[in-house]
Amino acid sequence: MNPFKVLNINRYASNREIILAVALGMREKKYSVKELAKAQKMLLDPVSRACQEFLHFIDLADAKAKLIREITEKTEILDNPETSDPPQLKCLTIFEKNHGL
C-alpha cells in the first residue's frame, strides 16, 4: 500500500496536511477507514515515513539495470567453456548444479 496515494498527498506533506487528507478521505469514502488510519499511522511516524518515502520515491532503475548487466555478463562467461572461470563463478556453478538451477 502506498500511503501517499491513499491519502492523495505529495511527498512533502506536513503532519497537518496528512490529518486533513485523512478527514477528506473519510468523506470521499474511496478507501476504508482502516486503510486511511494505516496510511496516517505510517506517515506520522518519522521512521516509517522515511521507509515509505524510500519505497515509493527512490528510483532504483539504474541499480536494477546494473545488476541485470552484471548477471548477464557472468552468465555469458559461464556459457563459454573456453574461458577460465574466476573462483566466484566456479562457486556459482557448483551451487547451480547442486540445487537444480
C-alpha atoms as a PDB file:
ATOM      1  CA  MET A   1       0.000   0.000   0.000  1.00  0.00           C
ATOM      2  CA  ASN A   2       1.267   3.435  -0.934  1.00  0.00           C
ATOM      3  CA  PRO A   3       0.100   5.744   1.881  1.00  0.00           C
ATOM      4  CA  PHE A   4       0.786   8.834  -0.226  1.00  0.00           C
ATOM      5  CA  LYS A   5      -1.595   7.562  -2.900  1.00  0.00           C
ATOM      6  CA  VAL A   6      -4.229   6.521  -0.361  1.00  0.00           C
ATOM      7  CA  LEU A   7      -4.231   9.990   1.205  1.00  0.00           C
ATOM      8  CA  ASN A   8      -3.732  11.741  -2.146  1.00  0.00           C
ATOM      9  CA  ILE A   9      -0.821  13.836  -0.840  1.00  0.00           C
ATOM     10  CA  ASN A  10       2.674  14.556  -2.072  1.00  0.00           C
ATOM     11  CA  ARG A  11       5.954  13.517  -0.516  1.00  0.00           C
ATOM     12  CA  TYR A  12       6.441  16.821   1.295  1.00  0.00           C
ATOM     13  CA  ALA A  13       3.083  16.993   3.080  1.00  0.00           C
ATOM     14  CA  SER A  14       3.191  18.201   6.673  1.00  0.00           C
ATOM     15  CA  ASN A  15       1.595  16.344   9.591  1.00  0.00           C
ATOM     16  CA  ARG A  16      -1.288  18.815   9.474  1.00  0.00           C
ATOM     17  CA  GLU A  17      -1.832  18.100   5.766  1.00  0.00           C
ATOM     18  CA  ILE A  18      -1.792  14.352   6.477  1.00  0.00           C
ATOM     19  CA  ILE A  19      -4.515  14.715   9.121  1.00  0.00           C
ATOM     20  CA  LEU A  20      -6.602  16.890   6.801  1.00  0.00           C
ATOM     21  CA  ALA A  21      -6.147  14.354   3.998  1.00  0.00           C
ATOM     22  CA  VAL A  22      -7.470  11.596   6.286  1.00  0.00           C
ATOM     23  CA  ALA A  23     -10.570  13.638   7.051  1.00  0.00           C
ATOM     24  CA  LEU A  24     -11.105  14.322   3.354  1.00  0.00           C
ATOM     25  CA  GLY A  25     -10.543  10.648   2.562  1.00  0.00           C
ATOM     26  CA  MET A  26     -13.203   9.647   5.067  1.00  0.00           C
ATOM     27  CA  ARG A  27     -15.692  11.987   3.376  1.00  0.00           C
ATOM     28  CA  GLU A  28     -14.864  10.673  -0.101  1.00  0.00           C
ATOM     29  CA  LYS A  29     -15.074   7.014   1.048  1.00  0.00           C
ATOM     30  CA  LYS A  30     -12.672   5.894  -1.681  1.00  0.00           C
ATOM     31  CA  TYR A  31     -10.704   3.831   0.888  1.00  0.00           C
ATOM     32  CA  SER A  32     -11.851   2.144   4.084  1.00  0.00           C
ATOM     33  CA  VAL A  33     -11.331   3.818   7.453  1.00  0.00           C
ATOM     34  CA  LYS A  34      -8.848   1.048   8.307  1.00  0.00           C
ATOM     35  CA  GLU A  35      -6.748   1.815   5.204  1.00  0.00           C
ATOM     36  CA  LEU A  36      -6.841   5.549   5.889  1.00  0.00           C
ATOM     37  CA  ALA A  37      -5.812   5.032   9.532  1.00  0.00           C
ATOM     38  CA  LYS A  38      -2.975   2.730   8.482  1.00  0.00           C
ATOM     39  CA  ALA A  39      -1.720   5.276   5.931  1.00  0.00           C
ATOM     40  CA  GLN A  40      -1.908   8.049   8.526  1.00  0.00           C
ATOM     41  CA  LYS A  41      -0.008   5.967  11.084  1.00  0.00           C
ATOM     42  CA  MET A  42       2.703   5.146   8.516  1.00  0.00           C
ATOM     43  CA  LEU A  43       3.244   8.791   7.653  1.00  0.00           C
ATOM     44  CA  LEU A  44       3.056  10.327  11.121  1.00  0.00           C
ATOM     45  CA  ASP A  45       5.815   8.041  12.458  1.00  0.00           C
ATOM     46  CA  PRO A  46       9.155   9.527  11.262  1.00  0.00           C
ATOM     47  CA  VAL A  47      10.917   6.166  10.794  1.00  0.00           C
ATOM     48  CA  SER A  48       8.004   4.569   8.994  1.00  0.00           C
ATOM     49  CA  ARG A  49       7.612   7.678   6.827  1.00  0.00           C
ATOM     50  CA  ALA A  50      11.278   7.530   5.795  1.00  0.00           C
ATOM     51  CA  CYS A  51      10.799   3.897   4.791  1.00  0.00           C
ATOM     52  CA  GLN A  52       7.697   4.735   2.769  1.00  0.00           C
ATOM     53  CA  GLU A  53       9.469   7.605   1.026  1.00  0.00           C
ATOM     54  CA  PHE A  54      12.300   5.243   0.126  1.00  0.00           C
ATOM     55  CA  LEU A  55       9.922   2.587  -1.181  1.00  0.00           C
ATOM     56  CA  HIS A  56       7.771   4.905  -3.245  1.00  0.00           C
ATOM     57  CA  PHE A  57      10.023   7.744  -4.383  1.00  0.00           C
ATOM     58  CA  ILE A  58      13.584   6.437  -4.753  1.00  0.00           C
ATOM     59  CA  ASP A  59      14.292   5.452  -8.347  1.00  0.00           C
ATOM     60  CA  LEU A  60      16.161   2.160  -8.386  1.00  0.00           C
ATOM     61  CA  ALA A  61      16.040   1.691 -12.164  1.00  0.00           C
ATOM     62  CA  ASP A  62      19.782   2.368 -12.578  1.00  0.00           C
ATOM     63  CA  ALA A  63      20.709  -0.108  -9.842  1.00  0.00           C
ATOM     64  CA  LYS A  64      18.387  -2.716 -11.372  1.00  0.00           C
ATOM     65  CA  ALA A  65      19.876  -2.208 -14.857  1.00  0.00           C
ATOM     66  CA  LYS A  66      23.417  -2.521 -13.475  1.00  0.00           C
ATOM     67  CA  LEU A  67      22.554  -5.731 -11.628  1.00  0.00           C
ATOM     68  CA  ILE A  68      20.957  -7.248 -14.725  1.00  0.00           C
ATOM     69  CA  ARG A  69      24.013  -6.290 -16.781  1.00  0.00           C
ATOM     70  CA  GLU A  70      26.384  -7.919 -14.243  1.00  0.00           C
ATOM     71  CA  ILE A  71      24.313 -11.108 -14.136  1.00  0.00           C
ATOM     72  CA  THR A  72      24.201 -11.246 -17.925  1.00  0.00           C
ATOM     73  CA  GLU A  73      27.982 -10.810 -18.170  1.00  0.00           C
ATOM     74  CA  LYS A  74      28.606 -13.570 -15.621  1.00  0.00           C
ATOM     75  CA  THR A  75      26.168 -15.860 -17.408  1.00  0.00           C
ATOM     76  CA  GLU A  76      27.991 -15.281 -20.693  1.00  0.00           C
ATOM     77  CA  ILE A  77      31.294 -16.195 -19.016  1.00  0.00           C
ATOM     78  CA  LEU A  78      29.742 -19.385 -17.628  1.00  0.00           C
ATOM     79  CA  ASP A  79      28.331 -20.319 -21.027  1.00  0.00           C
ATOM     80  CA  ASN A  80      31.753 -20.005 -22.687  1.00  0.00           C
ATOM     81  CA  PRO A  81      33.770 -23.160 -21.771  1.00  0.00           C
ATOM     82  CA  GLU A  82      36.995 -21.773 -23.283  1.00  0.00           C
ATOM     83  CA  THR A  83      37.455 -19.119 -20.589  1.00  0.00           C
ATOM     84  CA  SER A  84      38.809 -19.999 -17.208  1.00  0.00           C
ATOM     85  CA  ASP A  85      36.235 -19.178 -14.568  1.00  0.00           C
ATOM     86  CA  PRO A  86      37.187 -16.926 -11.688  1.00  0.00           C
ATOM     87  CA  PRO A  87      36.695 -18.597  -8.278  1.00  0.00           C
ATOM     88  CA  GLN A  88      33.385 -16.783  -7.628  1.00  0.00           C
ATOM     89  CA  LEU A  89      31.888 -18.171 -10.812  1.00  0.00           C
ATOM     90  CA  LYS A  90      33.055 -21.695 -10.015  1.00  0.00           C
ATOM     91  CA  CYS A  91      31.187 -21.444  -6.715  1.00  0.00           C
ATOM     92  CA  LEU A  92      28.129 -20.186  -8.546  1.00  0.00           C
ATOM     93  CA  THR A  93      28.329 -23.138 -10.956  1.00  0.00           C
ATOM     94  CA  ILE A  94      28.610 -25.614  -8.095  1.00  0.00           C
ATOM     95  CA  PHE A  95      25.592 -24.057  -6.368  1.00  0.00           C
ATOM     96  CA  GLU A  96      23.515 -24.213  -9.529  1.00  0.00           C
ATOM     97  CA  LYS A  97      24.394 -27.871 -10.178  1.00  0.00           C
ATOM     98  CA  ASN A  98      23.600 -28.906  -6.592  1.00  0.00           C
ATOM     99  CA  HIS A  99      20.271 -27.101  -6.442  1.00  0.00           C
ATOM    100  CA  GLY A 100      18.938 -27.802  -9.900  1.00  0.00           C
ATOM    101  CA  LEU A 101      19.055 -24.213 -11.089  1.00  0.00           C
END
